[in-house]
Amino acid sequence: MSIAVQVAKRSTCDRAHVGAVIVRDRRILTTGYNGSPAGLPHCDDVGHLLVDGHCVRTLHAEQNAIIQAAYLDVSVQGGTIYVTHQPCLTCAKMIINAGIRRVVYAGDYPDNLARQFLAEAGVGLQHMKLPDELQAQVGYHPEEGEAS
């Protein structure tokens, strides 16, 4: 999880610094962080593009990690994804279809439907509490229940 926290530092959207690492057989396959699509402006440079309170300028860390695997022709089937925050519903569906079998996350995200989809698909979902010093690095405040 500490590697996911380090990857999150590359995030280009300051609303939440999220990192993801996909692992299989104790080997890192790919990483991802939340940021704009290649070649497009970043939130840090031009500001957020908010729709219904969500920044839609960026891809999520999980999406970028899965896309990187496809781009590099790396199978993530049977792997585990470590994420600094619980996946949203869209990311949960991508995780399911990519064949990832386990999600380990630190920060909560208020998306019970994502949890339900993962459970129905037989994808393990495990919460891992981050040490205080790592929580501060990704802007996660457990008393608030989500990223800042």
N, C-alpha and C. Protein backbone atom coordinates (compact mmCIF):
# COMPACT_ATOMS: atom_id res chain seq x y z
N MET A 1 0.83 -1.20 0.00
CA MET A 1 0.00 0.00 0.00
C MET A 1 0.87 1.26 0.00
N SER A 2 2.03 1.18 0.63
CA SER A 2 2.89 2.37 0.65
C SER A 2 3.34 2.75 -0.76
N ILE A 3 3.45 1.79 -1.66
CA ILE A 3 3.80 2.11 -3.05
C ILE A 3 2.63 2.84 -3.71
N ALA A 4 1.40 2.42 -3.44
CA ALA A 4 0.23 3.12 -3.97
C ALA A 4 0.20 4.57 -3.48
N VAL A 5 0.58 4.80 -2.24
CA VAL A 5 0.63 6.16 -1.70
C VAL A 5 1.68 6.98 -2.46
N GLN A 6 2.83 6.37 -2.75
CA GLN A 6 3.86 7.09 -3.50
C GLN A 6 3.37 7.41 -4.92
N VAL A 7 2.68 6.47 -5.55
CA VAL A 7 2.14 6.70 -6.89
C VAL A 7 1.10 7.82 -6.84
N ALA A 8 0.31 7.88 -5.78
CA ALA A 8 -0.73 8.92 -5.63
C ALA A 8 -0.14 10.32 -5.66
N LYS A 9 1.09 10.46 -5.27
CA LYS A 9 1.74 11.78 -5.26
C LYS A 9 1.88 12.36 -6.66
N ARG A 10 1.76 11.52 -7.68
CA ARG A 10 1.85 11.99 -9.07
C ARG A 10 0.53 12.55 -9.58
N SER A 11 -0.52 12.42 -8.80
CA SER A 11 -1.84 12.89 -9.20
C SER A 11 -1.80 14.34 -9.65
N THR A 12 -2.57 14.64 -10.69
CA THR A 12 -2.63 16.01 -11.20
C THR A 12 -3.98 16.67 -10.91
N CYS A 13 -4.72 16.11 -9.97
CA CYS A 13 -5.99 16.69 -9.51
C CYS A 13 -5.93 16.77 -8.00
N ASP A 14 -5.88 17.97 -7.47
CA ASP A 14 -5.67 18.13 -6.03
C ASP A 14 -6.92 17.86 -5.18
N ARG A 15 -8.04 17.51 -5.81
CA ARG A 15 -9.23 17.18 -5.02
C ARG A 15 -9.03 15.88 -4.25
N ALA A 16 -8.24 14.98 -4.80
CA ALA A 16 -7.87 13.74 -4.12
C ALA A 16 -6.66 13.17 -4.83
N HIS A 17 -5.68 12.79 -4.07
CA HIS A 17 -4.50 12.14 -4.64
C HIS A 17 -4.70 10.65 -4.44
N VAL A 18 -4.97 9.96 -5.54
CA VAL A 18 -5.29 8.53 -5.48
C VAL A 18 -4.25 7.76 -6.29
N GLY A 19 -3.78 6.66 -5.72
CA GLY A 19 -2.82 5.81 -6.41
C GLY A 19 -3.29 4.37 -6.40
N ALA A 20 -2.89 3.63 -7.43
CA ALA A 20 -3.25 2.21 -7.55
C ALA A 20 -2.04 1.42 -8.03
N VAL A 21 -1.92 0.21 -7.51
CA VAL A 21 -0.85 -0.70 -7.93
C VAL A 21 -1.49 -2.07 -8.14
N ILE A 22 -1.28 -2.63 -9.32
CA ILE A 22 -1.79 -3.98 -9.60
C ILE A 22 -0.63 -4.97 -9.47
N VAL A 23 -0.88 -6.01 -8.68
CA VAL A 23 0.16 -6.98 -8.33
C VAL A 23 -0.36 -8.40 -8.60
N ARG A 24 0.55 -9.27 -9.03
CA ARG A 24 0.23 -10.69 -9.11
C ARG A 24 1.50 -11.46 -8.78
N ASP A 25 1.36 -12.47 -7.97
CA ASP A 25 2.50 -13.29 -7.56
C ASP A 25 3.63 -12.43 -6.97
N ARG A 26 3.24 -11.45 -6.16
CA ARG A 26 4.18 -10.56 -5.45
C ARG A 26 5.02 -9.69 -6.38
N ARG A 27 4.53 -9.51 -7.62
CA ARG A 27 5.23 -8.66 -8.59
C ARG A 27 4.31 -7.53 -9.02
N ILE A 28 4.86 -6.32 -9.08
CA ILE A 28 4.09 -5.17 -9.57
C ILE A 28 3.93 -5.30 -11.07
N LEU A 29 2.69 -5.24 -11.53
CA LEU A 29 2.40 -5.31 -12.96
C LEU A 29 2.27 -3.91 -13.55
N THR A 30 1.43 -3.07 -12.92
CA THR A 30 1.23 -1.70 -13.40
C THR A 30 0.87 -0.80 -12.23
N THR A 31 0.95 0.49 -12.48
CA THR A 31 0.52 1.48 -11.50
C THR A 31 -0.36 2.51 -12.21
N GLY A 32 -1.08 3.28 -11.42
CA GLY A 32 -1.89 4.36 -11.99
C GLY A 32 -2.21 5.39 -10.92
N TYR A 33 -2.44 6.60 -11.35
CA TYR A 33 -2.87 7.68 -10.46
C TYR A 33 -3.93 8.48 -11.17
N ASN A 34 -4.69 9.27 -10.43
CA ASN A 34 -5.73 10.04 -11.07
C ASN A 34 -5.12 11.24 -11.78
N GLY A 35 -5.47 11.39 -13.05
CA GLY A 35 -4.95 12.46 -13.87
C GLY A 35 -5.66 12.50 -15.21
N SER A 36 -5.42 13.58 -15.93
CA SER A 36 -6.08 13.79 -17.22
C SER A 36 -5.58 12.82 -18.28
N PRO A 37 -6.40 12.58 -19.31
CA PRO A 37 -5.94 11.75 -20.42
C PRO A 37 -4.69 12.36 -21.07
N ALA A 38 -3.88 11.52 -21.64
CA ALA A 38 -2.62 11.96 -22.26
C ALA A 38 -2.87 13.10 -23.25
N GLY A 39 -2.06 14.15 -23.12
CA GLY A 39 -2.14 15.27 -24.04
C GLY A 39 -3.18 16.32 -23.71
N LEU A 40 -4.03 16.06 -22.71
CA LEU A 40 -5.05 17.04 -22.34
C LEU A 40 -4.60 17.80 -21.10
N PRO A 41 -5.15 19.00 -20.88
CA PRO A 41 -4.73 19.80 -19.73
C PRO A 41 -5.08 19.15 -18.41
N HIS A 42 -4.26 19.42 -17.41
CA HIS A 42 -4.44 18.88 -16.07
C HIS A 42 -5.14 19.89 -15.17
N CYS A 43 -5.86 19.38 -14.18
CA CYS A 43 -6.53 20.23 -13.20
C CYS A 43 -5.54 21.19 -12.54
N ASP A 44 -4.37 20.69 -12.22
CA ASP A 44 -3.37 21.52 -11.56
C ASP A 44 -2.97 22.71 -12.43
N ASP A 45 -3.16 22.60 -13.75
CA ASP A 45 -2.78 23.68 -14.67
C ASP A 45 -3.94 24.59 -15.05
N VAL A 46 -5.14 24.01 -15.27
CA VAL A 46 -6.26 24.81 -15.79
C VAL A 46 -7.49 24.80 -14.89
N GLY A 47 -7.43 24.08 -13.79
CA GLY A 47 -8.57 24.02 -12.88
C GLY A 47 -9.41 22.78 -13.10
N HIS A 48 -10.38 22.62 -12.22
CA HIS A 48 -11.25 21.44 -12.25
C HIS A 48 -12.39 21.62 -13.25
N LEU A 49 -12.88 20.51 -13.75
CA LEU A 49 -14.06 20.48 -14.60
C LEU A 49 -15.12 19.71 -13.80
N LEU A 50 -15.94 20.44 -13.06
CA LEU A 50 -16.88 19.82 -12.13
C LEU A 50 -18.25 19.59 -12.76
N VAL A 51 -18.76 18.38 -12.57
CA VAL A 51 -20.12 18.00 -12.96
C VAL A 51 -20.72 17.29 -11.76
N ASP A 52 -21.81 17.79 -11.26
CA ASP A 52 -22.48 17.21 -10.08
C ASP A 52 -21.52 17.00 -8.92
N GLY A 53 -20.60 17.95 -8.72
CA GLY A 53 -19.68 17.89 -7.59
C GLY A 53 -18.48 16.99 -7.78
N HIS A 54 -18.34 16.39 -8.96
CA HIS A 54 -17.21 15.51 -9.25
C HIS A 54 -16.36 16.12 -10.36
N CYS A 55 -15.04 16.00 -10.22
CA CYS A 55 -14.16 16.45 -11.28
C CYS A 55 -14.12 15.39 -12.37
N VAL A 56 -14.53 15.75 -13.57
CA VAL A 56 -14.58 14.79 -14.67
C VAL A 56 -13.42 14.97 -15.65
N ARG A 57 -12.49 15.85 -15.32
CA ARG A 57 -11.34 16.06 -16.18
C ARG A 57 -10.38 14.86 -16.14
N THR A 58 -10.39 14.12 -15.03
CA THR A 58 -9.39 13.07 -14.83
C THR A 58 -9.95 11.67 -14.96
N LEU A 59 -9.05 10.75 -15.25
CA LEU A 59 -9.32 9.32 -15.13
C LEU A 59 -8.94 8.92 -13.71
N HIS A 60 -9.58 7.91 -13.19
CA HIS A 60 -9.26 7.42 -11.85
C HIS A 60 -8.00 6.56 -11.89
N ALA A 61 -7.37 6.42 -10.74
CA ALA A 61 -6.12 5.67 -10.62
C ALA A 61 -6.30 4.22 -11.10
N GLU A 62 -7.39 3.60 -10.70
CA GLU A 62 -7.65 2.21 -11.09
C GLU A 62 -7.78 2.10 -12.61
N GLN A 63 -8.49 3.06 -13.21
CA GLN A 63 -8.66 3.06 -14.66
C GLN A 63 -7.31 3.19 -15.35
N ASN A 64 -6.48 4.10 -14.87
CA ASN A 64 -5.16 4.29 -15.49
C ASN A 64 -4.27 3.05 -15.33
N ALA A 65 -4.36 2.37 -14.20
CA ALA A 65 -3.56 1.15 -14.00
C ALA A 65 -4.02 0.05 -14.96
N ILE A 66 -5.32 -0.10 -15.13
CA ILE A 66 -5.85 -1.12 -16.04
C ILE A 66 -5.54 -0.76 -17.49
N ILE A 67 -5.66 0.51 -17.84
CA ILE A 67 -5.34 0.96 -19.21
C ILE A 67 -3.86 0.74 -19.50
N GLN A 68 -3.01 1.04 -18.52
CA GLN A 68 -1.57 0.83 -18.71
C GLN A 68 -1.28 -0.65 -18.99
N ALA A 69 -1.98 -1.52 -18.29
CA ALA A 69 -1.78 -2.96 -18.52
C ALA A 69 -2.17 -3.32 -19.96
N ALA A 70 -3.30 -2.80 -20.43
CA ALA A 70 -3.73 -3.08 -21.80
C ALA A 70 -2.72 -2.51 -22.80
N TYR A 71 -2.27 -1.29 -22.55
CA TYR A 71 -1.31 -0.63 -23.44
C TYR A 71 0.00 -1.42 -23.54
N LEU A 72 0.42 -1.99 -22.42
CA LEU A 72 1.68 -2.73 -22.37
C LEU A 72 1.51 -4.23 -22.64
N ASP A 73 0.26 -4.65 -22.91
CA ASP A 73 -0.05 -6.05 -23.17
C ASP A 73 0.32 -6.94 -21.98
N VAL A 74 -0.06 -6.47 -20.78
CA VAL A 74 0.20 -7.19 -19.54
C VAL A 74 -1.14 -7.68 -18.99
N SER A 75 -1.27 -8.97 -18.78
CA SER A 75 -2.50 -9.50 -18.21
C SER A 75 -2.52 -9.25 -16.70
N VAL A 76 -3.64 -8.72 -16.22
CA VAL A 76 -3.82 -8.49 -14.78
C VAL A 76 -4.77 -9.53 -14.19
N GLN A 77 -5.19 -10.48 -15.02
CA GLN A 77 -6.13 -11.51 -14.58
C GLN A 77 -5.58 -12.25 -13.37
N GLY A 78 -6.41 -12.37 -12.34
CA GLY A 78 -6.02 -13.07 -11.13
C GLY A 78 -5.21 -12.22 -10.16
N GLY A 79 -5.01 -10.95 -10.50
CA GLY A 79 -4.20 -10.07 -9.68
C GLY A 79 -4.95 -9.41 -8.54
N THR A 80 -4.20 -8.63 -7.78
CA THR A 80 -4.73 -7.82 -6.69
C THR A 80 -4.43 -6.37 -7.00
N ILE A 81 -5.39 -5.49 -6.74
CA ILE A 81 -5.15 -4.07 -6.91
C ILE A 81 -5.17 -3.41 -5.54
N TYR A 82 -4.10 -2.69 -5.25
CA TYR A 82 -3.99 -1.91 -4.02
C TYR A 82 -4.31 -0.47 -4.39
N VAL A 83 -5.29 0.12 -3.68
CA VAL A 83 -5.75 1.46 -4.01
C VAL A 83 -5.83 2.30 -2.73
N THR A 84 -5.43 3.55 -2.84
CA THR A 84 -5.44 4.41 -1.66
C THR A 84 -6.86 4.75 -1.21
N HIS A 85 -7.85 4.59 -2.09
CA HIS A 85 -9.25 4.87 -1.76
C HIS A 85 -10.12 3.74 -2.34
N GLN A 86 -11.25 3.47 -1.72
CA GLN A 86 -12.15 2.44 -2.24
C GLN A 86 -12.60 2.81 -3.65
N PRO A 87 -12.63 1.86 -4.57
CA PRO A 87 -13.06 2.15 -5.93
C PRO A 87 -14.52 2.60 -6.01
N CYS A 88 -14.79 3.45 -7.01
CA CYS A 88 -16.16 3.85 -7.32
C CYS A 88 -16.82 2.73 -8.15
N LEU A 89 -18.07 2.90 -8.50
CA LEU A 89 -18.79 1.87 -9.25
C LEU A 89 -18.16 1.63 -10.62
N THR A 90 -17.83 2.68 -11.35
CA THR A 90 -17.23 2.49 -12.68
C THR A 90 -15.92 1.73 -12.58
N CYS A 91 -15.08 2.10 -11.62
CA CYS A 91 -13.80 1.39 -11.45
C CYS A 91 -14.03 -0.05 -11.00
N ALA A 92 -15.02 -0.27 -10.15
CA ALA A 92 -15.34 -1.64 -9.71
C ALA A 92 -15.70 -2.50 -10.92
N LYS A 93 -16.49 -1.96 -11.83
CA LYS A 93 -16.87 -2.73 -13.02
C LYS A 93 -15.67 -3.02 -13.90
N MET A 94 -14.75 -2.06 -14.01
CA MET A 94 -13.54 -2.29 -14.80
C MET A 94 -12.65 -3.34 -14.14
N ILE A 95 -12.56 -3.29 -12.82
CA ILE A 95 -11.78 -4.28 -12.06
C ILE A 95 -12.34 -5.68 -12.29
N ILE A 96 -13.65 -5.80 -12.24
CA ILE A 96 -14.31 -7.09 -12.46
C ILE A 96 -13.99 -7.60 -13.86
N ASN A 97 -14.18 -6.76 -14.88
CA ASN A 97 -13.97 -7.21 -16.25
C ASN A 97 -12.51 -7.46 -16.59
N ALA A 98 -11.59 -6.83 -15.86
CA ALA A 98 -10.17 -7.06 -16.09
C ALA A 98 -9.71 -8.39 -15.48
N GLY A 99 -10.57 -9.00 -14.66
CA GLY A 99 -10.22 -10.29 -14.06
C GLY A 99 -9.44 -10.16 -12.76
N ILE A 100 -9.39 -8.97 -12.21
CA ILE A 100 -8.71 -8.78 -10.93
C ILE A 100 -9.56 -9.44 -9.85
N ARG A 101 -8.94 -10.19 -8.96
CA ARG A 101 -9.68 -11.01 -8.00
C ARG A 101 -9.75 -10.42 -6.59
N ARG A 102 -8.96 -9.39 -6.33
CA ARG A 102 -8.93 -8.85 -4.97
C ARG A 102 -8.62 -7.36 -5.01
N VAL A 103 -9.31 -6.60 -4.17
CA VAL A 103 -9.09 -5.16 -4.02
C VAL A 103 -8.72 -4.91 -2.57
N VAL A 104 -7.59 -4.25 -2.35
CA VAL A 104 -7.18 -3.82 -1.02
C VAL A 104 -7.16 -2.30 -1.07
N TYR A 105 -7.91 -1.66 -0.18
CA TYR A 105 -8.04 -0.20 -0.23
C TYR A 105 -7.85 0.38 1.16
N ALA A 106 -7.50 1.66 1.20
CA ALA A 106 -7.29 2.34 2.48
C ALA A 106 -8.46 3.26 2.79
N GLY A 107 -8.62 4.32 2.05
CA GLY A 107 -9.66 5.31 2.33
C GLY A 107 -11.02 4.88 1.83
N ASP A 108 -12.04 5.15 2.62
CA ASP A 108 -13.40 4.82 2.21
C ASP A 108 -13.90 5.80 1.16
N TYR A 109 -14.83 5.34 0.34
CA TYR A 109 -15.51 6.16 -0.64
C TYR A 109 -16.97 5.75 -0.53
N PRO A 110 -17.87 6.70 -0.44
CA PRO A 110 -19.27 6.36 -0.17
C PRO A 110 -19.99 5.76 -1.38
N ASP A 111 -19.61 4.55 -1.77
CA ASP A 111 -20.23 3.90 -2.92
C ASP A 111 -20.54 2.44 -2.57
N ASN A 112 -21.69 2.26 -1.95
CA ASN A 112 -22.09 0.90 -1.56
C ASN A 112 -22.42 0.02 -2.76
N LEU A 113 -22.84 0.64 -3.85
CA LEU A 113 -23.14 -0.14 -5.05
C LEU A 113 -21.85 -0.78 -5.61
N ALA A 114 -20.75 -0.06 -5.54
CA ALA A 114 -19.47 -0.63 -5.97
C ALA A 114 -19.13 -1.84 -5.12
N ARG A 115 -19.32 -1.73 -3.81
CA ARG A 115 -19.07 -2.86 -2.91
C ARG A 115 -19.96 -4.05 -3.29
N GLN A 116 -21.22 -3.77 -3.58
CA GLN A 116 -22.16 -4.83 -3.94
C GLN A 116 -21.74 -5.53 -5.22
N PHE A 117 -21.36 -4.76 -6.25
CA PHE A 117 -20.94 -5.36 -7.51
C PHE A 117 -19.71 -6.24 -7.31
N LEU A 118 -18.73 -5.75 -6.57
CA LEU A 118 -17.52 -6.53 -6.32
C LEU A 118 -17.86 -7.84 -5.60
N ALA A 119 -18.74 -7.76 -4.60
CA ALA A 119 -19.14 -8.96 -3.85
C ALA A 119 -19.85 -9.96 -4.76
N GLU A 120 -20.78 -9.47 -5.57
CA GLU A 120 -21.53 -10.35 -6.47
C GLU A 120 -20.61 -11.03 -7.49
N ALA A 121 -19.53 -10.36 -7.86
CA ALA A 121 -18.60 -10.91 -8.85
C ALA A 121 -17.54 -11.80 -8.20
N GLY A 122 -17.58 -11.89 -6.87
CA GLY A 122 -16.61 -12.74 -6.18
C GLY A 122 -15.24 -12.10 -6.04
N VAL A 123 -15.18 -10.77 -6.17
CA VAL A 123 -13.91 -10.06 -6.01
C VAL A 123 -13.77 -9.70 -4.53
N GLY A 124 -12.68 -10.13 -3.93
CA GLY A 124 -12.45 -9.83 -2.52
C GLY A 124 -12.21 -8.35 -2.32
N LEU A 125 -12.75 -7.82 -1.23
CA LEU A 125 -12.60 -6.40 -0.90
C LEU A 125 -12.11 -6.32 0.53
N GLN A 126 -10.92 -5.78 0.71
CA GLN A 126 -10.30 -5.75 2.03
C GLN A 126 -9.86 -4.32 2.36
N HIS A 127 -10.29 -3.83 3.51
CA HIS A 127 -9.86 -2.51 3.99
C HIS A 127 -8.55 -2.65 4.74
N MET A 128 -7.62 -1.75 4.47
CA MET A 128 -6.33 -1.72 5.16
C MET A 128 -6.14 -0.32 5.72
N LYS A 129 -6.04 -0.21 7.03
CA LYS A 129 -5.83 1.10 7.64
C LYS A 129 -4.40 1.56 7.36
N LEU A 130 -4.29 2.78 6.87
CA LEU A 130 -2.97 3.36 6.63
C LEU A 130 -2.40 3.92 7.92
N PRO A 131 -1.10 3.81 8.10
CA PRO A 131 -0.47 4.52 9.22
C PRO A 131 -0.71 6.02 9.07
N ASP A 132 -0.76 6.74 10.18
CA ASP A 132 -1.08 8.17 10.17
C ASP A 132 -0.23 8.96 9.18
N GLU A 133 1.07 8.68 9.12
CA GLU A 133 1.95 9.46 8.24
C GLU A 133 1.60 9.25 6.77
N LEU A 134 1.09 8.07 6.40
CA LEU A 134 0.69 7.83 5.01
C LEU A 134 -0.68 8.44 4.72
N GLN A 135 -1.58 8.45 5.72
CA GLN A 135 -2.90 9.07 5.53
C GLN A 135 -2.76 10.52 5.12
N ALA A 136 -1.88 11.23 5.78
CA ALA A 136 -1.69 12.65 5.49
C ALA A 136 -1.17 12.86 4.06
N GLN A 137 -0.39 11.93 3.55
CA GLN A 137 0.20 12.07 2.22
C GLN A 137 -0.83 11.99 1.10
N VAL A 138 -1.95 11.29 1.33
CA VAL A 138 -2.98 11.19 0.29
C VAL A 138 -4.22 12.01 0.63
N GLY A 139 -4.15 12.78 1.71
CA GLY A 139 -5.27 13.64 2.06
C GLY A 139 -6.46 12.90 2.60
N TYR A 140 -6.23 11.73 3.18
CA TYR A 140 -7.32 10.94 3.73
C TYR A 140 -7.47 11.23 5.21
N HIS A 141 -8.69 11.54 5.61
CA HIS A 141 -8.99 11.84 7.00
C HIS A 141 -10.10 10.91 7.45
N PRO A 142 -9.78 9.84 8.20
CA PRO A 142 -10.78 8.81 8.53
C PRO A 142 -12.00 9.37 9.24
N GLU A 143 -11.85 10.43 10.01
CA GLU A 143 -13.03 10.98 10.70
C GLU A 143 -14.02 11.61 9.73
N GLU A 144 -13.57 11.94 8.52
CA GLU A 144 -14.45 12.51 7.51
C GLU A 144 -15.04 11.43 6.62
N GLY A 145 -14.41 10.26 6.57
CA GLY A 145 -14.94 9.15 5.80
C GLY A 145 -14.61 9.14 4.33
N GLU A 146 -13.90 10.18 3.84
CA GLU A 146 -13.51 10.19 2.44
C GLU A 146 -12.37 11.14 2.22
N ALA A 147 -11.90 11.19 1.00
CA ALA A 147 -10.75 12.05 0.66
C ALA A 147 -11.15 13.51 0.76
N SER A 148 -10.16 14.35 1.03
CA SER A 148 -10.44 15.78 1.06
C SER A 148 -10.38 16.37 -0.33
